[in-house]
Amino acid sequence: KVGRGAHVGAGAVILPGITIGEWAVVGAGAVVTKPVPAETV
């Protein structure tokens, strides 16, 4: 689940079932293994 306004950077991988909070930014090439709070990078 990717919240409103979030940006997932180029080449990033979000593992199954993870939530990305509203207006969060996932950097290019990141591997996201845990939930990302809203408004964070």
PDB file of all heavy atoms in Angstrom:
ATOM      1  N   LYS A   1       0.854  -1.188   0.000  1.00  0.00           N
ATOM      2  CA  LYS A   1       0.000   0.000   0.000  1.00  0.00           C
ATOM      3  C   LYS A   1       0.886   1.234   0.000  1.00  0.00           C
ATOM      4  O   LYS A   1       1.795   1.356   0.828  1.00  0.00           O
ATOM      5  CB  LYS A   1      -0.925   0.026   1.219  1.00  0.00           C
ATOM      6  CG  LYS A   1      -1.827   1.250   1.220  1.00  0.00           C
ATOM      7  CD  LYS A   1      -2.791   1.286   2.382  1.00  0.00           C
ATOM      8  CE  LYS A   1      -3.642   2.545   2.316  1.00  0.00           C
ATOM      9  NZ  LYS A   1      -4.535   2.669   3.482  1.00  0.00           N
ATOM     10  N   VAL A   2       0.608   2.139  -0.938  1.00  0.00           N
ATOM     11  CA  VAL A   2       1.371   3.389  -1.046  1.00  0.00           C
ATOM     12  C   VAL A   2       0.400   4.539  -0.817  1.00  0.00           C
ATOM     13  O   VAL A   2      -0.564   4.726  -1.567  1.00  0.00           O
ATOM     14  CB  VAL A   2       2.056   3.516  -2.426  1.00  0.00           C
ATOM     15  CG1 VAL A   2       2.889   4.788  -2.486  1.00  0.00           C
ATOM     16  CG2 VAL A   2       2.922   2.287  -2.708  1.00  0.00           C
ATOM     17  N   GLY A   3       0.662   5.317   0.233  1.00  0.00           N
ATOM     18  CA  GLY A   3      -0.236   6.396   0.622  1.00  0.00           C
ATOM     19  C   GLY A   3      -0.190   7.590  -0.309  1.00  0.00           C
ATOM     20  O   GLY A   3       0.753   7.784  -1.091  1.00  0.00           O
ATOM     21  N   ARG A   4      -1.209   8.399  -0.196  1.00  0.00           N
ATOM     22  CA  ARG A   4      -1.394   9.580  -1.036  1.00  0.00           C
ATOM     23  C   ARG A   4      -0.113  10.411  -1.136  1.00  0.00           C
ATOM     24  O   ARG A   4       0.533  10.712  -0.133  1.00  0.00           O
ATOM     25  CB  ARG A   4      -2.519  10.433  -0.442  1.00  0.00           C
ATOM     26  CG  ARG A   4      -2.854  11.701  -1.241  1.00  0.00           C
ATOM     27  CD  ARG A   4      -3.919  12.500  -0.504  1.00  0.00           C
ATOM     28  NE  ARG A   4      -4.342  13.679  -1.248  1.00  0.00           N
ATOM     29  CZ  ARG A   4      -5.354  13.695  -2.107  1.00  0.00           C
ATOM     30  NH1 ARG A   4      -6.052  12.591  -2.304  1.00  0.00           N
ATOM     31  NH2 ARG A   4      -5.675  14.805  -2.753  1.00  0.00           N
ATOM     32  N   GLY A   5       0.239  10.787  -2.370  1.00  0.00           N
ATOM     33  CA  GLY A   5       1.338  11.706  -2.600  1.00  0.00           C
ATOM     34  C   GLY A   5       2.732  11.147  -2.415  1.00  0.00           C
ATOM     35  O   GLY A   5       3.712  11.866  -2.573  1.00  0.00           O
ATOM     36  N   ALA A   6       2.855   9.869  -2.085  1.00  0.00           N
ATOM     37  CA  ALA A   6       4.185   9.297  -1.869  1.00  0.00           C
ATOM     38  C   ALA A   6       4.940   9.174  -3.194  1.00  0.00           C
ATOM     39  O   ALA A   6       4.338   9.115  -4.272  1.00  0.00           O
ATOM     40  CB  ALA A   6       4.083   7.941  -1.192  1.00  0.00           C
ATOM     41  N   HIS A   7       6.261   9.144  -3.090  1.00  0.00           N
ATOM     42  CA  HIS A   7       7.121   9.010  -4.263  1.00  0.00           C
ATOM     43  C   HIS A   7       8.069   7.832  -4.030  1.00  0.00           C
ATOM     44  O   HIS A   7       8.838   7.836  -3.072  1.00  0.00           O
ATOM     45  CB  HIS A   7       7.920  10.288  -4.487  1.00  0.00           C
ATOM     46  CG  HIS A   7       8.702  10.297  -5.765  1.00  0.00           C
ATOM     47  ND1 HIS A   7       8.951  11.459  -6.456  1.00  0.00           N
ATOM     48  CD2 HIS A   7       9.272   9.309  -6.497  1.00  0.00           C
ATOM     49  CE1 HIS A   7       9.652  11.171  -7.548  1.00  0.00           C
ATOM     50  NE2 HIS A   7       9.862   9.871  -7.575  1.00  0.00           N
ATOM     51  N   VAL A   8       7.991   6.848  -4.917  1.00  0.00           N
ATOM     52  CA  VAL A   8       8.880   5.685  -4.855  1.00  0.00           C
ATOM     53  C   VAL A   8       9.935   5.882  -5.936  1.00  0.00           C
ATOM     54  O   VAL A   8       9.620   5.922  -7.124  1.00  0.00           O
ATOM     55  CB  VAL A   8       8.098   4.370  -5.051  1.00  0.00           C
ATOM     56  CG1 VAL A   8       9.044   3.182  -5.050  1.00  0.00           C
ATOM     57  CG2 VAL A   8       7.039   4.222  -3.957  1.00  0.00           C
ATOM     58  N   GLY A   9      11.203   6.014  -5.526  1.00  0.00           N
ATOM     59  CA  GLY A   9      12.285   6.363  -6.440  1.00  0.00           C
ATOM     60  C   GLY A   9      12.652   5.258  -7.418  1.00  0.00           C
ATOM     61  O   GLY A   9      12.275   4.085  -7.257  1.00  0.00           O
ATOM     62  N   ALA A  10      13.417   5.643  -8.418  1.00  0.00           N
ATOM     63  CA  ALA A  10      13.815   4.731  -9.490  1.00  0.00           C
ATOM     64  C   ALA A  10      14.536   3.509  -8.934  1.00  0.00           C
ATOM     65  O   ALA A  10      15.437   3.625  -8.101  1.00  0.00           O
ATOM     66  CB  ALA A  10      14.714   5.461 -10.486  1.00  0.00           C
ATOM     67  N   GLY A  11      14.111   2.341  -9.390  1.00  0.00           N
ATOM     68  CA  GLY A  11      14.772   1.100  -9.016  1.00  0.00           C
ATOM     69  C   GLY A  11      14.532   0.632  -7.598  1.00  0.00           C
ATOM     70  O   GLY A  11      15.118  -0.366  -7.165  1.00  0.00           O
ATOM     71  N   ALA A  12      13.676   1.310  -6.858  1.00  0.00           N
ATOM     72  CA  ALA A  12      13.379   0.877  -5.488  1.00  0.00           C
ATOM     73  C   ALA A  12      12.546  -0.405  -5.513  1.00  0.00           C
ATOM     74  O   ALA A  12      11.813  -0.664  -6.464  1.00  0.00           O
ATOM     75  CB  ALA A  12      12.640   1.969  -4.727  1.00  0.00           C
ATOM     76  N   VAL A  13      12.686  -1.200  -4.446  1.00  0.00           N
ATOM     77  CA  VAL A  13      11.917  -2.436  -4.301  1.00  0.00           C
ATOM     78  C   VAL A  13      11.182  -2.374  -2.966  1.00  0.00           C
ATOM     79  O   VAL A  13      11.803  -2.160  -1.919  1.00  0.00           O
ATOM     80  CB  VAL A  13      12.831  -3.674  -4.334  1.00  0.00           C
ATOM     81  CG1 VAL A  13      12.026  -4.944  -4.087  1.00  0.00           C
ATOM     82  CG2 VAL A  13      13.580  -3.757  -5.657  1.00  0.00           C
ATOM     83  N   ILE A  14       9.864  -2.563  -3.019  1.00  0.00           N
ATOM     84  CA  ILE A  14       9.048  -2.586  -1.805  1.00  0.00           C
ATOM     85  C   ILE A  14       8.598  -4.029  -1.594  1.00  0.00           C
ATOM     86  O   ILE A  14       7.893  -4.596  -2.431  1.00  0.00           O
ATOM     87  CB  ILE A  14       7.814  -1.668  -1.928  1.00  0.00           C
ATOM     88  CG1 ILE A  14       8.166  -0.309  -2.571  1.00  0.00           C
ATOM     89  CG2 ILE A  14       7.150  -1.503  -0.571  1.00  0.00           C
ATOM     90  CD1 ILE A  14       9.153   0.519  -1.818  1.00  0.00           C
ATOM     91  N   LEU A  15       9.013  -4.644  -0.495  1.00  0.00           N
ATOM     92  CA  LEU A  15       8.698  -6.049  -0.247  1.00  0.00           C
ATOM     93  C   LEU A  15       7.207  -6.250   0.034  1.00  0.00           C
ATOM     94  O   LEU A  15       6.492  -5.299   0.354  1.00  0.00           O
ATOM     95  CB  LEU A  15       9.551  -6.571   0.904  1.00  0.00           C
ATOM     96  CG  LEU A  15      11.066  -6.614   0.633  1.00  0.00           C
ATOM     97  CD1 LEU A  15      11.777  -7.332   1.765  1.00  0.00           C
ATOM     98  CD2 LEU A  15      11.399  -7.271  -0.700  1.00  0.00           C
ATOM     99  N   PRO A  16       6.723  -7.497  -0.083  1.00  0.00           N
ATOM    100  CA  PRO A  16       5.281  -7.766   0.020  1.00  0.00           C
ATOM    101  C   PRO A  16       4.674  -7.265   1.328  1.00  0.00           C
ATOM    102  O   PRO A  16       5.267  -7.398   2.407  1.00  0.00           O
ATOM    103  CB  PRO A  16       5.196  -9.290  -0.072  1.00  0.00           C
ATOM    104  CG  PRO A  16       6.414  -9.699  -0.809  1.00  0.00           C
ATOM    105  CD  PRO A  16       7.478  -8.728  -0.393  1.00  0.00           C
ATOM    106  N   GLY A  17       3.475  -6.708   1.206  1.00  0.00           N
ATOM    107  CA  GLY A  17       2.681  -6.334   2.365  1.00  0.00           C
ATOM    108  C   GLY A  17       3.096  -5.066   3.076  1.00  0.00           C
ATOM    109  O   GLY A  17       2.500  -4.700   4.086  1.00  0.00           O
ATOM    110  N   ILE A  18       4.106  -4.373   2.576  1.00  0.00           N
ATOM    111  CA  ILE A  18       4.614  -3.158   3.234  1.00  0.00           C
ATOM    112  C   ILE A  18       3.693  -1.983   2.933  1.00  0.00           C
ATOM    113  O   ILE A  18       3.141  -1.866   1.838  1.00  0.00           O
ATOM    114  CB  ILE A  18       6.049  -2.849   2.758  1.00  0.00           C
ATOM    115  CG1 ILE A  18       7.013  -3.978   3.135  1.00  0.00           C
ATOM    116  CG2 ILE A  18       6.547  -1.496   3.273  1.00  0.00           C
ATOM    117  CD1 ILE A  18       7.227  -4.151   4.609  1.00  0.00           C
ATOM    118  N   THR A  19       3.562  -1.067   3.906  1.00  0.00           N
ATOM    119  CA  THR A  19       2.824   0.173   3.717  1.00  0.00           C
ATOM    120  C   THR A  19       3.792   1.352   3.676  1.00  0.00           C
ATOM    121  O   THR A  19       4.651   1.475   4.552  1.00  0.00           O
ATOM    122  CB  THR A  19       1.798   0.387   4.857  1.00  0.00           C
ATOM    123  OG1 THR A  19       0.831  -0.666   4.791  1.00  0.00           O
ATOM    124  CG2 THR A  19       1.095   1.725   4.729  1.00  0.00           C
ATOM    125  N   ILE A  20       3.625   2.182   2.661  1.00  0.00           N
ATOM    126  CA  ILE A  20       4.376   3.431   2.534  1.00  0.00           C
ATOM    127  C   ILE A  20       3.409   4.560   2.886  1.00  0.00           C
ATOM    128  O   ILE A  20       2.357   4.700   2.262  1.00  0.00           O
ATOM    129  CB  ILE A  20       4.900   3.632   1.081  1.00  0.00           C
ATOM    130  CG1 ILE A  20       5.662   2.398   0.590  1.00  0.00           C
ATOM    131  CG2 ILE A  20       5.729   4.911   0.984  1.00  0.00           C
ATOM    132  CD1 ILE A  20       6.903   2.063   1.362  1.00  0.00           C
ATOM    133  N   GLY A  21       3.759   5.366   3.881  1.00  0.00           N
ATOM    134  CA  GLY A  21       2.849   6.402   4.359  1.00  0.00           C
ATOM    135  C   GLY A  21       2.661   7.543   3.382  1.00  0.00           C
ATOM    136  O   GLY A  21       3.436   7.734   2.434  1.00  0.00           O
ATOM    137  N   GLU A  22       1.628   8.352   3.630  1.00  0.00           N
ATOM    138  CA  GLU A  22       1.329   9.498   2.777  1.00  0.00           C
ATOM    139  C   GLU A  22       2.514  10.458   2.711  1.00  0.00           C
ATOM    140  O   GLU A  22       3.172  10.724   3.705  1.00  0.00           O
ATOM    141  CB  GLU A  22       0.106  10.238   3.315  1.00  0.00           C
ATOM    142  CG  GLU A  22      -1.181   9.453   3.212  1.00  0.00           C
ATOM    143  CD  GLU A  22      -2.398  10.271   3.593  1.00  0.00           C
ATOM    144  OE1 GLU A  22      -2.235  11.442   4.011  1.00  0.00           O
ATOM    145  OE2 GLU A  22      -3.516   9.753   3.465  1.00  0.00           O
ATOM    146  N   TRP A  23       2.773  10.925   1.487  1.00  0.00           N
ATOM    147  CA  TRP A  23       3.801  11.933   1.205  1.00  0.00           C
ATOM    148  C   TRP A  23       5.210  11.502   1.618  1.00  0.00           C
ATOM    149  O   TRP A  23       6.101  12.316   1.747  1.00  0.00           O
ATOM    150  CB  TRP A  23       3.431  13.289   1.806  1.00  0.00           C
ATOM    151  CG  TRP A  23       2.109  13.774   1.296  1.00  0.00           C
ATOM    152  CD1 TRP A  23       0.921  13.769   1.953  1.00  0.00           C
ATOM    153  CD2 TRP A  23       1.837  14.283  -0.015  1.00  0.00           C
ATOM    154  NE1 TRP A  23      -0.077  14.245   1.142  1.00  0.00           N
ATOM    155  CE2 TRP A  23       0.451  14.580  -0.077  1.00  0.00           C
ATOM    156  CE3 TRP A  23       2.627  14.526  -1.145  1.00  0.00           C
ATOM    157  CZ2 TRP A  23      -0.161  15.092  -1.208  1.00  0.00           C
ATOM    158  CZ3 TRP A  23       2.015  15.049  -2.276  1.00  0.00           C
ATOM    159  CH2 TRP A  23       0.633  15.325  -2.299  1.00  0.00           C
ATOM    160  N   ALA A  24       5.410  10.212   1.814  1.00  0.00           N
ATOM    161  CA  ALA A  24       6.757   9.695   2.079  1.00  0.00           C
ATOM    162  C   ALA A  24       7.542   9.645   0.773  1.00  0.00           C
ATOM    163  O   ALA A  24       6.964   9.628  -0.325  1.00  0.00           O
ATOM    164  CB  ALA A  24       6.678   8.314   2.705  1.00  0.00           C
ATOM    165  N   VAL A  25       8.865   9.604   0.891  1.00  0.00           N
ATOM    166  CA  VAL A  25       9.753   9.477  -0.263  1.00  0.00           C
ATOM    167  C   VAL A  25      10.659   8.280  -0.033  1.00  0.00           C
ATOM    168  O   VAL A  25      11.335   8.190   0.997  1.00  0.00           O
ATOM    169  CB  VAL A  25      10.605  10.747  -0.471  1.00  0.00           C
ATOM    170  CG1 VAL A  25      11.601  10.550  -1.609  1.00  0.00           C
ATOM    171  CG2 VAL A  25       9.714  11.954  -0.746  1.00  0.00           C
ATOM    172  N   VAL A  26      10.661   7.361  -1.004  1.00  0.00           N
ATOM    173  CA  VAL A  26      11.559   6.209  -0.987  1.00  0.00           C
ATOM    174  C   VAL A  26      12.668   6.490  -1.986  1.00  0.00           C
ATOM    175  O   VAL A  26      12.404   6.691  -3.173  1.00  0.00           O
ATOM    176  CB  VAL A  26      10.800   4.918  -1.357  1.00  0.00           C
ATOM    177  CG1 VAL A  26      11.765   3.735  -1.437  1.00  0.00           C
ATOM    178  CG2 VAL A  26       9.686   4.647  -0.353  1.00  0.00           C
ATOM    179  N   GLY A  27      13.907   6.536  -1.511  1.00  0.00           N
ATOM    180  CA  GLY A  27      15.029   6.887  -2.370  1.00  0.00           C
ATOM    181  C   GLY A  27      15.276   5.875  -3.479  1.00  0.00           C
ATOM    182  O   GLY A  27      14.904   4.692  -3.372  1.00  0.00           O
ATOM    183  N   ALA A  28      15.937   6.331  -4.527  1.00  0.00           N
ATOM    184  CA  ALA A  28      16.276   5.463  -5.652  1.00  0.00           C
ATOM    185  C   ALA A  28      17.101   4.278  -5.172  1.00  0.00           C
ATOM    186  O   ALA A  28      18.019   4.429  -4.367  1.00  0.00           O
ATOM    187  CB  ALA A  28      17.041   6.250  -6.706  1.00  0.00           C
ATOM    188  N   GLY A  29      16.740   3.090  -5.649  1.00  0.00           N
ATOM    189  CA  GLY A  29      17.490   1.886  -5.319  1.00  0.00           C
ATOM    190  C   GLY A  29      17.259   1.325  -3.936  1.00  0.00           C
ATOM    191  O   GLY A  29      17.864   0.314  -3.564  1.00  0.00           O
ATOM    192  N   ALA A  30      16.387   1.940  -3.151  1.00  0.00           N
ATOM    193  CA  ALA A  30      16.132   1.456  -1.791  1.00  0.00           C
ATOM    194  C   ALA A  30      15.432   0.101  -1.821  1.00  0.00           C
ATOM    195  O   ALA A  30      14.698  -0.215  -2.756  1.00  0.00           O
ATOM    196  CB  ALA A  30      15.284   2.467  -1.025  1.00  0.00           C
ATOM    197  N   VAL A  31      15.678  -0.681  -0.777  1.00  0.00           N
ATOM    198  CA  VAL A  31      14.948  -1.935  -0.576  1.00  0.00           C
ATOM    199  C   VAL A  31      14.178  -1.781   0.730  1.00  0.00           C
ATOM    200  O   VAL A  31      14.772  -1.719   1.809  1.00  0.00           O
ATOM    201  CB  VAL A  31      15.895  -3.148  -0.525  1.00  0.00           C
ATOM    202  CG1 VAL A  31      15.104  -4.419  -0.248  1.00  0.00           C
ATOM    203  CG2 VAL A  31      16.672  -3.269  -1.827  1.00  0.00           C
ATOM    204  N   VAL A  32      12.858  -1.693   0.618  1.00  0.00           N
ATOM    205  CA  VAL A  32      12.019  -1.377   1.773  1.00  0.00           C
ATOM    206  C   VAL A  32      11.503  -2.678   2.381  1.00  0.00           C
ATOM    207  O   VAL A  32      10.746  -3.412   1.750  1.00  0.00           O
ATOM    208  CB  VAL A  32      10.863  -0.445   1.376  1.00  0.00           C
ATOM    209  CG1 VAL A  32       9.995  -0.125   2.590  1.00  0.00           C
ATOM    210  CG2 VAL A  32      11.409   0.844   0.755  1.00  0.00           C
ATOM    211  N   THR A  33      11.922  -2.933   3.619  1.00  0.00           N
ATOM    212  CA  THR A  33      11.572  -4.175   4.318  1.00  0.00           C
ATOM    213  C   THR A  33      10.632  -3.939   5.492  1.00  0.00           C
ATOM    214  O   THR A  33      10.140  -4.894   6.080  1.00  0.00           O
ATOM    215  CB  THR A  33      12.850  -4.864   4.841  1.00  0.00           C
ATOM    216  OG1 THR A  33      13.497  -3.978   5.767  1.00  0.00           O
ATOM    217  CG2 THR A  33      13.804  -5.186   3.703  1.00  0.00           C
ATOM    218  N   LYS A  34      10.401  -2.667   5.853  1.00  0.00           N
ATOM    219  CA  LYS A  34       9.543  -2.317   6.993  1.00  0.00           C
ATOM    220  C   LYS A  34       8.631  -1.167   6.583  1.00  0.00           C
ATOM    221  O   LYS A  34       8.973  -0.395   5.683  1.00  0.00           O
ATOM    222  CB  LYS A  34      10.396  -1.879   8.188  1.00  0.00           C
ATOM    223  CG  LYS A  34      11.284  -2.970   8.748  1.00  0.00           C
ATOM    224  CD  LYS A  34      12.110  -2.451   9.899  1.00  0.00           C
ATOM    225  CE  LYS A  34      13.016  -3.556  10.445  1.00  0.00           C
ATOM    226  NZ  LYS A  34      13.886  -3.054  11.516  1.00  0.00           N
ATOM    227  N   PRO A  35       7.511  -1.000   7.268  1.00  0.00           N
ATOM    228  CA  PRO A  35       6.617   0.114   6.937  1.00  0.00           C
ATOM    229  C   PRO A  35       7.339   1.459   7.020  1.00  0.00           C
ATOM    230  O   PRO A  35       8.231   1.657   7.854  1.00  0.00           O
ATOM    231  CB  PRO A  35       5.516   0.018   8.001  1.00  0.00           C
ATOM    232  CG  PRO A  35       5.526  -1.418   8.417  1.00  0.00           C
ATOM    233  CD  PRO A  35       6.963  -1.857   8.341  1.00  0.00           C
ATOM    234  N   VAL A  36       6.941   2.380   6.136  1.00  0.00           N
ATOM    235  CA  VAL A  36       7.536   3.715   6.071  1.00  0.00           C
ATOM    236  C   VAL A  36       6.511   4.717   6.588  1.00  0.00           C
ATOM    237  O   VAL A  36       5.423   4.834   6.019  1.00  0.00           O
ATOM    238  CB  VAL A  36       7.948   4.064   4.626  1.00  0.00           C
ATOM    239  CG1 VAL A  36       8.470   5.494   4.549  1.00  0.00           C
ATOM    240  CG2 VAL A  36       8.985   3.068   4.108  1.00  0.00           C
ATOM    241  N   PRO A  37       6.825   5.451   7.660  1.00  0.00           N
ATOM    242  CA  PRO A  37       5.859   6.420   8.187  1.00  0.00           C
ATOM    243  C   PRO A  37       5.580   7.547   7.198  1.00  0.00           C
ATOM    244  O   PRO A  37       6.402   7.861   6.325  1.00  0.00           O
ATOM    245  CB  PRO A  37       6.559   6.966   9.448  1.00  0.00           C
ATOM    246  CG  PRO A  37       7.602   5.965   9.788  1.00  0.00           C
ATOM    247  CD  PRO A  37       8.042   5.369   8.482  1.00  0.00           C
ATOM    248  N   ALA A  38       4.439   8.181   7.359  1.00  0.00           N
ATOM    249  CA  ALA A  38       4.074   9.326   6.531  1.00  0.00           C
ATOM    250  C   ALA A  38       5.116  10.436   6.659  1.00  0.00           C
ATOM    251  O   ALA A  38       5.755  10.594   7.708  1.00  0.00           O
ATOM    252  CB  ALA A  38       2.706   9.847   6.940  1.00  0.00           C
ATOM    253  N   GLU A  39       5.292  11.165   5.558  1.00  0.00           N
ATOM    254  CA  GLU A  39       6.130  12.375   5.545  1.00  0.00           C
ATOM    255  C   GLU A  39       7.595  12.112   5.889  1.00  0.00           C
ATOM    256  O   GLU A  39       8.285  13.006   6.375  1.00  0.00           O
ATOM    257  CB  GLU A  39       5.574  13.439   6.507  1.00  0.00           C
ATOM    258  CG  GLU A  39       4.143  13.852   6.235  1.00  0.00           C
ATOM    259  CD  GLU A  39       4.004  14.945   5.184  1.00  0.00           C
ATOM    260  OE1 GLU A  39       5.032  15.462   4.711  1.00  0.00           O
ATOM    261  OE2 GLU A  39       2.862  15.269   4.833  1.00  0.00           O
ATOM    262  N   THR A  40       8.080  10.905   5.655  1.00  0.00           N
ATOM    263  CA  THR A  40       9.488  10.613   5.926  1.00  0.00           C
ATOM    264  C   THR A  40      10.210  10.281   4.629  1.00  0.00           C
ATOM    265  O   THR A  40       9.593   9.997   3.606  1.00  0.00           O
ATOM    266  CB  THR A  40       9.652   9.444   6.905  1.00  0.00           C
ATOM    267  OG1 THR A  40       9.003   8.295   6.365  1.00  0.00           O
ATOM    268  CG2 THR A  40       9.058   9.759   8.258  1.00  0.00           C
ATOM    269  N   VAL A  41      11.535  10.312   4.693  1.00  0.00           N
ATOM    270  CA  VAL A  41      12.388   9.925   3.569  1.00  0.00           C
ATOM    271  C   VAL A  41      13.190   8.715   4.005  1.00  0.00           C
ATOM    272  O   VAL A  41      13.821   8.721   5.073  1.00  0.00           O
ATOM    273  CB  VAL A  41      13.350  11.067   3.171  1.00  0.00           C
ATOM    274  CG1 VAL A  41      14.290  10.622   2.053  1.00  0.00           C
ATOM    275  CG2 VAL A  41      12.568  12.307   2.757  1.00  0.00           C
TER     276      VAL A  41
END
